[in-house]
């Protein structure tokens, strides 16, 4: 996947989308924001795949970590007061 293998990325999505979705769903207020966080997490995965070392953890744990980071970023944006 780190070399742009679309098949590997599709397999990652197929295997872990429900886990990533459940992680984001537990913290975010609506399905639209959840979908955005899921998309962010998989985009981060695509960009950071070369740095993932399976000797340091599981793919599921790595994706869960990325999802939590993306979820926190989304929550932070939702909590910011809107400019009038």
PDB file of N, CA and C in Angstrom:
ATOM      1  N   UNK A   1       0.815  -1.185   0.000  1.00  0.00           N
ATOM      2  CA  UNK A   1       0.000   0.000   0.000  1.00  0.00           C
ATOM      3  C   UNK A   1       0.862   1.254   0.000  1.00  0.00           C
ATOM      4  N   UNK A   2       1.996   1.190   0.676  1.00  0.00           N
ATOM      5  CA  UNK A   2       2.852   2.361   0.762  1.00  0.00           C
ATOM      6  C   UNK A   2       3.411   2.771  -0.593  1.00  0.00           C
ATOM      7  N   UNK A   3       3.364   1.876  -1.544  1.00  0.00           N
ATOM      8  CA  UNK A   3       3.858   2.193  -2.880  1.00  0.00           C
ATOM      9  C   UNK A   3       2.730   2.532  -3.844  1.00  0.00           C
ATOM     10  N   UNK A   4       1.556   2.859  -3.315  1.00  0.00           N
ATOM     11  CA  UNK A   4       0.434   3.248  -4.144  1.00  0.00           C
ATOM     12  C   UNK A   4      -0.381   2.088  -4.684  1.00  0.00           C
ATOM     13  N   UNK A   5      -0.278   0.927  -4.094  1.00  0.00           N
ATOM     14  CA  UNK A   5      -1.024  -0.257  -4.530  1.00  0.00           C
ATOM     15  C   UNK A   5      -2.504  -0.086  -4.196  1.00  0.00           C
ATOM     16  N   UNK A   6      -3.309   0.195  -5.214  1.00  0.00           N
ATOM     17  CA  UNK A   6      -4.744   0.424  -5.012  1.00  0.00           C
ATOM     18  C   UNK A   6      -5.458  -0.826  -4.518  1.00  0.00           C
ATOM     19  N   UNK A   7      -5.018  -1.977  -4.953  1.00  0.00           N
ATOM     20  CA  UNK A   7      -5.623  -3.228  -4.489  1.00  0.00           C
ATOM     21  C   UNK A   7      -5.418  -3.410  -2.997  1.00  0.00           C
ATOM     22  N   UNK A   8      -4.229  -3.101  -2.523  1.00  0.00           N
ATOM     23  CA  UNK A   8      -3.942  -3.202  -1.093  1.00  0.00           C
ATOM     24  C   UNK A   8      -4.781  -2.208  -0.304  1.00  0.00           C
ATOM     25  N   UNK A   9      -4.958  -1.011  -0.851  1.00  0.00           N
ATOM     26  CA  UNK A   9      -5.776  -0.011  -0.166  1.00  0.00           C
ATOM     27  C   UNK A   9      -7.236  -0.453  -0.109  1.00  0.00           C
ATOM     28  N   UNK A  10      -7.741  -1.007  -1.192  1.00  0.00           N
ATOM     29  CA  UNK A  10      -9.126  -1.516  -1.197  1.00  0.00           C
ATOM     30  C   UNK A  10      -9.298  -2.635  -0.181  1.00  0.00           C
ATOM     31  N   UNK A  11      -8.292  -3.494  -0.074  1.00  0.00           N
ATOM     32  CA  UNK A  11      -8.357  -4.583   0.909  1.00  0.00           C
ATOM     33  C   UNK A  11      -8.360  -4.021   2.330  1.00  0.00           C
ATOM     34  N   UNK A  12      -7.541  -3.014   2.582  1.00  0.00           N
ATOM     35  CA  UNK A  12      -7.518  -2.366   3.889  1.00  0.00           C
ATOM     36  C   UNK A  12      -8.897  -1.797   4.219  1.00  0.00           C
ATOM     37  N   UNK A  13      -9.496  -1.100   3.262  1.00  0.00           N
ATOM     38  CA  UNK A  13     -10.841  -0.563   3.456  1.00  0.00           C
ATOM     39  C   UNK A  13     -11.851  -1.660   3.758  1.00  0.00           C
ATOM     40  N   UNK A  14     -11.809  -2.717   2.992  1.00  0.00           N
ATOM     41  CA  UNK A  14     -12.771  -3.802   3.162  1.00  0.00           C
ATOM     42  C   UNK A  14     -12.624  -4.469   4.532  1.00  0.00           C
ATOM     43  N   UNK A  15     -11.399  -4.664   4.970  1.00  0.00           N
ATOM     44  CA  UNK A  15     -11.170  -5.382   6.227  1.00  0.00           C
ATOM     45  C   UNK A  15     -11.416  -4.535   7.466  1.00  0.00           C
ATOM     46  N   UNK A  16     -11.146  -3.238   7.385  1.00  0.00           N
ATOM     47  CA  UNK A  16     -11.143  -2.437   8.603  1.00  0.00           C
ATOM     48  C   UNK A  16     -12.140  -1.282   8.632  1.00  0.00           C
ATOM     49  N   UNK A  17     -12.923  -1.107   7.590  1.00  0.00           N
ATOM     50  CA  UNK A  17     -13.852   0.025   7.567  1.00  0.00           C
ATOM     51  C   UNK A  17     -14.822  -0.009   8.734  1.00  0.00           C
ATOM     52  N   UNK A  18     -15.359  -1.177   9.048  1.00  0.00           N
ATOM     53  CA  UNK A  18     -16.339  -1.247  10.143  1.00  0.00           C
ATOM     54  C   UNK A  18     -15.689  -0.911  11.486  1.00  0.00           C
ATOM     55  N   UNK A  19     -14.454  -1.318  11.704  1.00  0.00           N
ATOM     56  CA  UNK A  19     -13.752  -0.997  12.946  1.00  0.00           C
ATOM     57  C   UNK A  19     -13.509   0.505  13.045  1.00  0.00           C
ATOM     58  N   UNK A  20     -13.038   1.087  11.962  1.00  0.00           N
ATOM     59  CA  UNK A  20     -12.776   2.522  11.933  1.00  0.00           C
ATOM     60  C   UNK A  20     -14.081   3.299  12.116  1.00  0.00           C
ATOM     61  N   UNK A  21     -15.126   2.862  11.438  1.00  0.00           N
ATOM     62  CA  UNK A  21     -16.426   3.538  11.554  1.00  0.00           C
ATOM     63  C   UNK A  21     -16.929   3.474  12.997  1.00  0.00           C
ATOM     64  N   UNK A  22     -16.855   2.307  13.618  1.00  0.00           N
ATOM     65  CA  UNK A  22     -17.333   2.154  14.995  1.00  0.00           C
ATOM     66  C   UNK A  22     -16.566   3.051  15.956  1.00  0.00           C
ATOM     67  N   UNK A  23     -15.276   3.180  15.745  1.00  0.00           N
ATOM     68  CA  UNK A  23     -14.454   4.042  16.601  1.00  0.00           C
ATOM     69  C   UNK A  23     -14.898   5.494  16.474  1.00  0.00           C
ATOM     70  N   UNK A  24     -15.093   5.962  15.261  1.00  0.00           N
ATOM     71  CA  UNK A  24     -15.524   7.344  15.048  1.00  0.00           C
ATOM     72  C   UNK A  24     -16.963   7.559  15.524  1.00  0.00           C
ATOM     73  N   UNK A  25     -17.816   6.579  15.287  1.00  0.00           N
ATOM     74  CA  UNK A  25     -19.232   6.684  15.662  1.00  0.00           C
ATOM     75  C   UNK A  25     -19.410   6.833  17.165  1.00  0.00           C
ATOM     76  N   UNK A  26     -18.528   6.223  17.930  1.00  0.00           N
ATOM     77  CA  UNK A  26     -18.630   6.287  19.387  1.00  0.00           C
ATOM     78  C   UNK A  26     -18.412   7.694  19.932  1.00  0.00           C
ATOM     79  N   UNK A  27     -17.749   8.548  19.164  1.00  0.00           N
ATOM     80  CA  UNK A  27     -17.389   9.866  19.683  1.00  0.00           C
ATOM     81  C   UNK A  27     -18.026  11.038  18.950  1.00  0.00           C
ATOM     82  N   UNK A  28     -18.522  10.818  17.751  1.00  0.00           N
ATOM     83  CA  UNK A  28     -19.001  11.943  16.941  1.00  0.00           C
ATOM     84  C   UNK A  28     -20.525  11.994  16.902  1.00  0.00           C
ATOM     85  N   UNK A  29     -21.078  13.201  16.714  1.00  0.00           N
ATOM     86  CA  UNK A  29     -22.519  13.394  16.895  1.00  0.00           C
ATOM     87  C   UNK A  29     -23.430  13.010  15.727  1.00  0.00           C
ATOM     88  N   UNK A  30     -22.893  12.903  14.532  1.00  0.00           N
ATOM     89  CA  UNK A  30     -23.796  12.626  13.410  1.00  0.00           C
ATOM     90  C   UNK A  30     -23.084  11.822  12.320  1.00  0.00           C
ATOM     91  N   UNK A  31     -23.862  11.103  11.518  1.00  0.00           N
ATOM     92  CA  UNK A  31     -23.267  10.228  10.492  1.00  0.00           C
ATOM     93  C   UNK A  31     -22.385  10.966   9.477  1.00  0.00           C
ATOM     94  N   UNK A  32     -22.739  12.184   9.147  1.00  0.00           N
ATOM     95  CA  UNK A  32     -21.937  12.946   8.176  1.00  0.00           C
ATOM     96  C   UNK A  32     -20.532  13.225   8.722  1.00  0.00           C
ATOM     97  N   UNK A  33     -20.449  13.597   9.976  1.00  0.00           N
ATOM     98  CA  UNK A  33     -19.158  13.859  10.606  1.00  0.00           C
ATOM     99  C   UNK A  33     -18.373  12.564  10.772  1.00  0.00           C
ATOM    100  N   UNK A  34     -19.063  11.475  11.082  1.00  0.00           N
ATOM    101  CA  UNK A  34     -18.416  10.167  11.192  1.00  0.00           C
ATOM    102  C   UNK A  34     -17.791   9.782   9.858  1.00  0.00           C
ATOM    103  N   UNK A  35     -18.549   9.909   8.784  1.00  0.00           N
ATOM    104  CA  UNK A  35     -18.030   9.571   7.445  1.00  0.00           C
ATOM    105  C   UNK A  35     -16.808  10.411   7.106  1.00  0.00           C
ATOM    106  N   UNK A  36     -16.845  11.689   7.464  1.00  0.00           N
ATOM    107  CA  UNK A  36     -15.701  12.567   7.185  1.00  0.00           C
ATOM    108  C   UNK A  36     -14.475  12.115   7.976  1.00  0.00           C
ATOM    109  N   UNK A  37     -14.658  11.744   9.238  1.00  0.00           N
ATOM    110  CA  UNK A  37     -13.537  11.277  10.058  1.00  0.00           C
ATOM    111  C   UNK A  37     -12.984   9.960   9.522  1.00  0.00           C
ATOM    112  N   UNK A  38     -13.851   9.079   9.067  1.00  0.00           N
ATOM    113  CA  UNK A  38     -13.419   7.803   8.492  1.00  0.00           C
ATOM    114  C   UNK A  38     -12.583   8.060   7.233  1.00  0.00           C
ATOM    115  N   UNK A  39     -13.065   8.952   6.386  1.00  0.00           N
ATOM    116  CA  UNK A  39     -12.317   9.306   5.175  1.00  0.00           C
ATOM    117  C   UNK A  39     -10.956   9.904   5.537  1.00  0.00           C
ATOM    118  N   UNK A  40     -10.937  10.779   6.548  1.00  0.00           N
ATOM    119  CA  UNK A  40      -9.675  11.371   7.002  1.00  0.00           C
ATOM    120  C   UNK A  40      -8.706  10.293   7.483  1.00  0.00           C
ATOM    121  N   UNK A  41      -9.217   9.347   8.263  1.00  0.00           N
ATOM    122  CA  UNK A  41      -8.362   8.295   8.829  1.00  0.00           C
ATOM    123  C   UNK A  41      -7.743   7.432   7.728  1.00  0.00           C
ATOM    124  N   UNK A  42      -8.551   7.050   6.746  1.00  0.00           N
ATOM    125  CA  UNK A  42      -7.991   6.228   5.675  1.00  0.00           C
ATOM    126  C   UNK A  42      -7.041   7.025   4.785  1.00  0.00           C
ATOM    127  N   UNK A  43      -7.298   8.301   4.645  1.00  0.00           N
ATOM    128  CA  UNK A  43      -6.364   9.141   3.887  1.00  0.00           C
ATOM    129  C   UNK A  43      -5.033   9.251   4.641  1.00  0.00           C
ATOM    130  N   UNK A  44      -5.104   9.411   5.950  1.00  0.00           N
ATOM    131  CA  UNK A  44      -3.888   9.421   6.762  1.00  0.00           C
ATOM    132  C   UNK A  44      -3.149   8.089   6.640  1.00  0.00           C
ATOM    133  N   UNK A  45      -3.905   6.998   6.647  1.00  0.00           N
ATOM    134  CA  UNK A  45      -3.296   5.672   6.502  1.00  0.00           C
ATOM    135  C   UNK A  45      -2.547   5.570   5.177  1.00  0.00           C
ATOM    136  N   UNK A  46      -3.170   6.073   4.131  1.00  0.00           N
ATOM    137  CA  UNK A  46      -2.534   6.026   2.806  1.00  0.00           C
ATOM    138  C   UNK A  46      -1.213   6.797   2.821  1.00  0.00           C
ATOM    139  N   UNK A  47      -1.209   7.951   3.488  1.00  0.00           N
ATOM    140  CA  UNK A  47      -0.014   8.802   3.482  1.00  0.00           C
ATOM    141  C   UNK A  47       1.061   8.359   4.461  1.00  0.00           C
ATOM    142  N   UNK A  48       0.691   7.607   5.480  1.00  0.00           N
ATOM    143  CA  UNK A  48       1.678   7.231   6.502  1.00  0.00           C
ATOM    144  C   UNK A  48       2.015   5.742   6.479  1.00  0.00           C
ATOM    145  N   UNK A  49       1.552   5.033   5.490  1.00  0.00           N
ATOM    146  CA  UNK A  49       1.758   3.581   5.432  1.00  0.00           C
ATOM    147  C   UNK A  49       3.234   3.199   5.441  1.00  0.00           C
ATOM    148  N   UNK A  50       4.077   4.008   4.845  1.00  0.00           N
ATOM    149  CA  UNK A  50       5.499   3.658   4.815  1.00  0.00           C
ATOM    150  C   UNK A  50       6.117   3.677   6.211  1.00  0.00           C
ATOM    151  N   UNK A  51       5.519   4.433   7.129  1.00  0.00           N
ATOM    152  CA  UNK A  51       6.040   4.510   8.485  1.00  0.00           C
ATOM    153  C   UNK A  51       5.492   3.454   9.421  1.00  0.00           C
ATOM    154  N   UNK A  52       4.504   2.698   8.958  1.00  0.00           N
ATOM    155  CA  UNK A  52       3.923   1.659   9.815  1.00  0.00           C
ATOM    156  C   UNK A  52       4.851   0.456   9.874  1.00  0.00           C
ATOM    157  N   UNK A  53       5.144   0.021  11.090  1.00  0.00           N
ATOM    158  CA  UNK A  53       5.964  -1.168  11.299  1.00  0.00           C
ATOM    159  C   UNK A  53       5.128  -2.196  12.043  1.00  0.00           C
ATOM    160  N   UNK A  54       4.875  -3.327  11.420  1.00  0.00           N
ATOM    161  CA  UNK A  54       4.036  -4.330  12.069  1.00  0.00           C
ATOM    162  C   UNK A  54       4.705  -4.937  13.298  1.00  0.00           C
ATOM    163  N   UNK A  55       5.974  -4.683  13.472  1.00  0.00           N
ATOM    164  CA  UNK A  55       6.646  -5.164  14.675  1.00  0.00           C
ATOM    165  C   UNK A  55       6.303  -4.309  15.888  1.00  0.00           C
ATOM    166  N   UNK A  56       5.698  -3.147  15.657  1.00  0.00           N
ATOM    167  CA  UNK A  56       5.356  -2.234  16.755  1.00  0.00           C
ATOM    168  C   UNK A  56       3.883  -2.247  17.095  1.00  0.00           C
ATOM    169  N   UNK A  57       3.089  -3.009  16.358  1.00  0.00           N
ATOM    170  CA  UNK A  57       1.659  -3.061  16.641  1.00  0.00           C
ATOM    171  C   UNK A  57       0.891  -3.639  15.474  1.00  0.00           C
ATOM    172  N   UNK A  58      -0.401  -3.770  15.678  1.00  0.00           N
ATOM    173  CA  UNK A  58      -1.256  -4.353  14.648  1.00  0.00           C
ATOM    174  C   UNK A  58      -1.785  -3.273  13.707  1.00  0.00           C
ATOM    175  N   UNK A  59      -2.220  -3.692  12.563  1.00  0.00           N
ATOM    176  CA  UNK A  59      -2.842  -2.772  11.606  1.00  0.00           C
ATOM    177  C   UNK A  59      -4.100  -2.180  12.232  1.00  0.00           C
ATOM    178  N   UNK A  60      -4.875  -3.010  12.892  1.00  0.00           N
ATOM    179  CA  UNK A  60      -6.092  -2.541  13.544  1.00  0.00           C
ATOM    180  C   UNK A  60      -5.786  -1.462  14.583  1.00  0.00           C
ATOM    181  N   UNK A  61      -4.760  -1.675  15.380  1.00  0.00           N
ATOM    182  CA  UNK A  61      -4.376  -0.686  16.386  1.00  0.00           C
ATOM    183  C   UNK A  61      -3.903   0.616  15.761  1.00  0.00           C
ATOM    184  N   UNK A  62      -3.138   0.503  14.688  1.00  0.00           N
ATOM    185  CA  UNK A  62      -2.657   1.687  13.956  1.00  0.00           C
ATOM    186  C   UNK A  62      -3.826   2.479  13.397  1.00  0.00           C
ATOM    187  N   UNK A  63      -4.766   1.784  12.769  1.00  0.00           N
ATOM    188  CA  UNK A  63      -5.926   2.468  12.201  1.00  0.00           C
ATOM    189  C   UNK A  63      -6.813   3.068  13.288  1.00  0.00           C
ATOM    190  N   UNK A  64      -6.954   2.374  14.395  1.00  0.00           N
ATOM    191  CA  UNK A  64      -7.733   2.914  15.512  1.00  0.00           C
ATOM    192  C   UNK A  64      -7.085   4.192  16.037  1.00  0.00           C
ATOM    193  N   UNK A  65      -5.779   4.180  16.152  1.00  0.00           N
ATOM    194  CA  UNK A  65      -5.052   5.377  16.587  1.00  0.00           C
ATOM    195  C   UNK A  65      -5.292   6.534  15.611  1.00  0.00           C
ATOM    196  N   UNK A  66      -5.132   6.275  14.324  1.00  0.00           N
ATOM    197  CA  UNK A  66      -5.371   7.323  13.327  1.00  0.00           C
ATOM    198  C   UNK A  66      -6.805   7.841  13.400  1.00  0.00           C
ATOM    199  N   UNK A  67      -7.744   6.933  13.599  1.00  0.00           N
ATOM    200  CA  UNK A  67      -9.157   7.318  13.680  1.00  0.00           C
ATOM    201  C   UNK A  67      -9.398   8.209  14.892  1.00  0.00           C
ATOM    202  N   UNK A  68      -8.805   7.865  15.998  1.00  0.00           N
ATOM    203  CA  UNK A  68      -8.972   8.694  17.199  1.00  0.00           C
ATOM    204  C   UNK A  68      -8.394  10.083  16.986  1.00  0.00           C
ATOM    205  N   UNK A  69      -7.262  10.179  16.322  1.00  0.00           N
ATOM    206  CA  UNK A  69      -6.682  11.488  16.015  1.00  0.00           C
ATOM    207  C   UNK A  69      -7.611  12.303  15.108  1.00  0.00           C
ATOM    208  N   UNK A  70      -8.138  11.657  14.083  1.00  0.00           N
ATOM    209  CA  UNK A  70      -9.037  12.347  13.143  1.00  0.00           C
ATOM    210  C   UNK A  70     -10.350  12.723  13.824  1.00  0.00           C
ATOM    211  N   UNK A  71     -10.833  11.863  14.695  1.00  0.00           N
ATOM    212  CA  UNK A  71     -12.059  12.140  15.441  1.00  0.00           C
ATOM    213  C   UNK A  71     -11.849  13.337  16.372  1.00  0.00           C
ATOM    214  N   UNK A  72     -10.723  13.368  17.061  1.00  0.00           N
ATOM    215  CA  UNK A  72     -10.428  14.489  17.949  1.00  0.00           C
ATOM    216  C   UNK A  72     -10.337  15.800  17.169  1.00  0.00           C
ATOM    217  N   UNK A  73      -9.754  15.757  15.995  1.00  0.00           N
ATOM    218  CA  UNK A  73      -9.662  16.962  15.161  1.00  0.00           C
ATOM    219  C   UNK A  73     -11.052  17.434  14.743  1.00  0.00           C
ATOM    220  N   UNK A  74     -11.912  16.503  14.369  1.00  0.00           N
ATOM    221  CA  UNK A  74     -13.288  16.859  13.991  1.00  0.00           C
ATOM    222  C   UNK A  74     -14.048  17.440  15.176  1.00  0.00           C
ATOM    223  N   UNK A  75     -13.902  16.824  16.352  1.00  0.00           N
ATOM    224  CA  UNK A  75     -14.577  17.338  17.550  1.00  0.00           C
ATOM    225  C   UNK A  75     -14.089  18.738  17.887  1.00  0.00           C
ATOM    226  N   UNK A  76     -12.804  18.960  17.749  1.00  0.00           N
ATOM    227  CA  UNK A  76     -12.251  20.278  18.023  1.00  0.00           C
ATOM    228  C   UNK A  76     -12.864  21.331  17.104  1.00  0.00           C
ATOM    229  N   UNK A  77     -12.994  20.980  15.827  1.00  0.00           N
ATOM    230  CA  UNK A  77     -13.602  21.927  14.867  1.00  0.00           C
ATOM    231  C   UNK A  77     -15.072  22.177  15.202  1.00  0.00           C
ATOM    232  N   UNK A  78     -15.768  21.143  15.641  1.00  0.00           N
ATOM    233  CA  UNK A  78     -17.188  21.312  15.985  1.00  0.00           C
ATOM    234  C   UNK A  78     -17.375  22.191  17.207  1.00  0.00           C
ATOM    235  N   UNK A  79     -16.420  22.170  18.120  1.00  0.00           N
ATOM    236  CA  UNK A  79     -16.525  22.921  19.364  1.00  0.00           C
ATOM    237  C   UNK A  79     -16.093  24.366  19.235  1.00  0.00           C
ATOM    238  N   UNK A  80     -15.419  24.692  18.144  1.00  0.00           N
ATOM    239  CA  UNK A  80     -14.970  26.073  17.966  1.00  0.00           C
ATOM    240  C   UNK A  80     -16.185  26.969  17.723  1.00  0.00           C
ATOM    241  N   UNK A  81     -16.194  28.125  18.376  1.00  0.00           N
ATOM    242  CA  UNK A  81     -17.307  29.042  18.122  1.00  0.00           C
ATOM    243  C   UNK A  81     -17.298  29.525  16.679  1.00  0.00           C
ATOM    244  N   UNK A  82     -18.464  29.609  16.133  1.00  0.00           N
ATOM    245  CA  UNK A  82     -18.587  30.072  14.748  1.00  0.00           C
ATOM    246  C   UNK A  82     -18.433  31.592  14.712  1.00  0.00           C
ATOM    247  N   UNK A  83     -17.683  32.054  13.737  1.00  0.00           N
ATOM    248  CA  UNK A  83     -17.494  33.494  13.560  1.00  0.00           C
ATOM    249  C   UNK A  83     -18.775  34.095  13.002  1.00  0.00           C
ATOM    250  N   UNK A  84     -19.154  35.248  13.546  1.00  0.00           N
ATOM    251  CA  UNK A  84     -20.363  35.892  13.021  1.00  0.00           C
ATOM    252  C   UNK A  84     -20.057  37.073  12.164  1.00  0.00           C
TER     253      UNK A  84
END
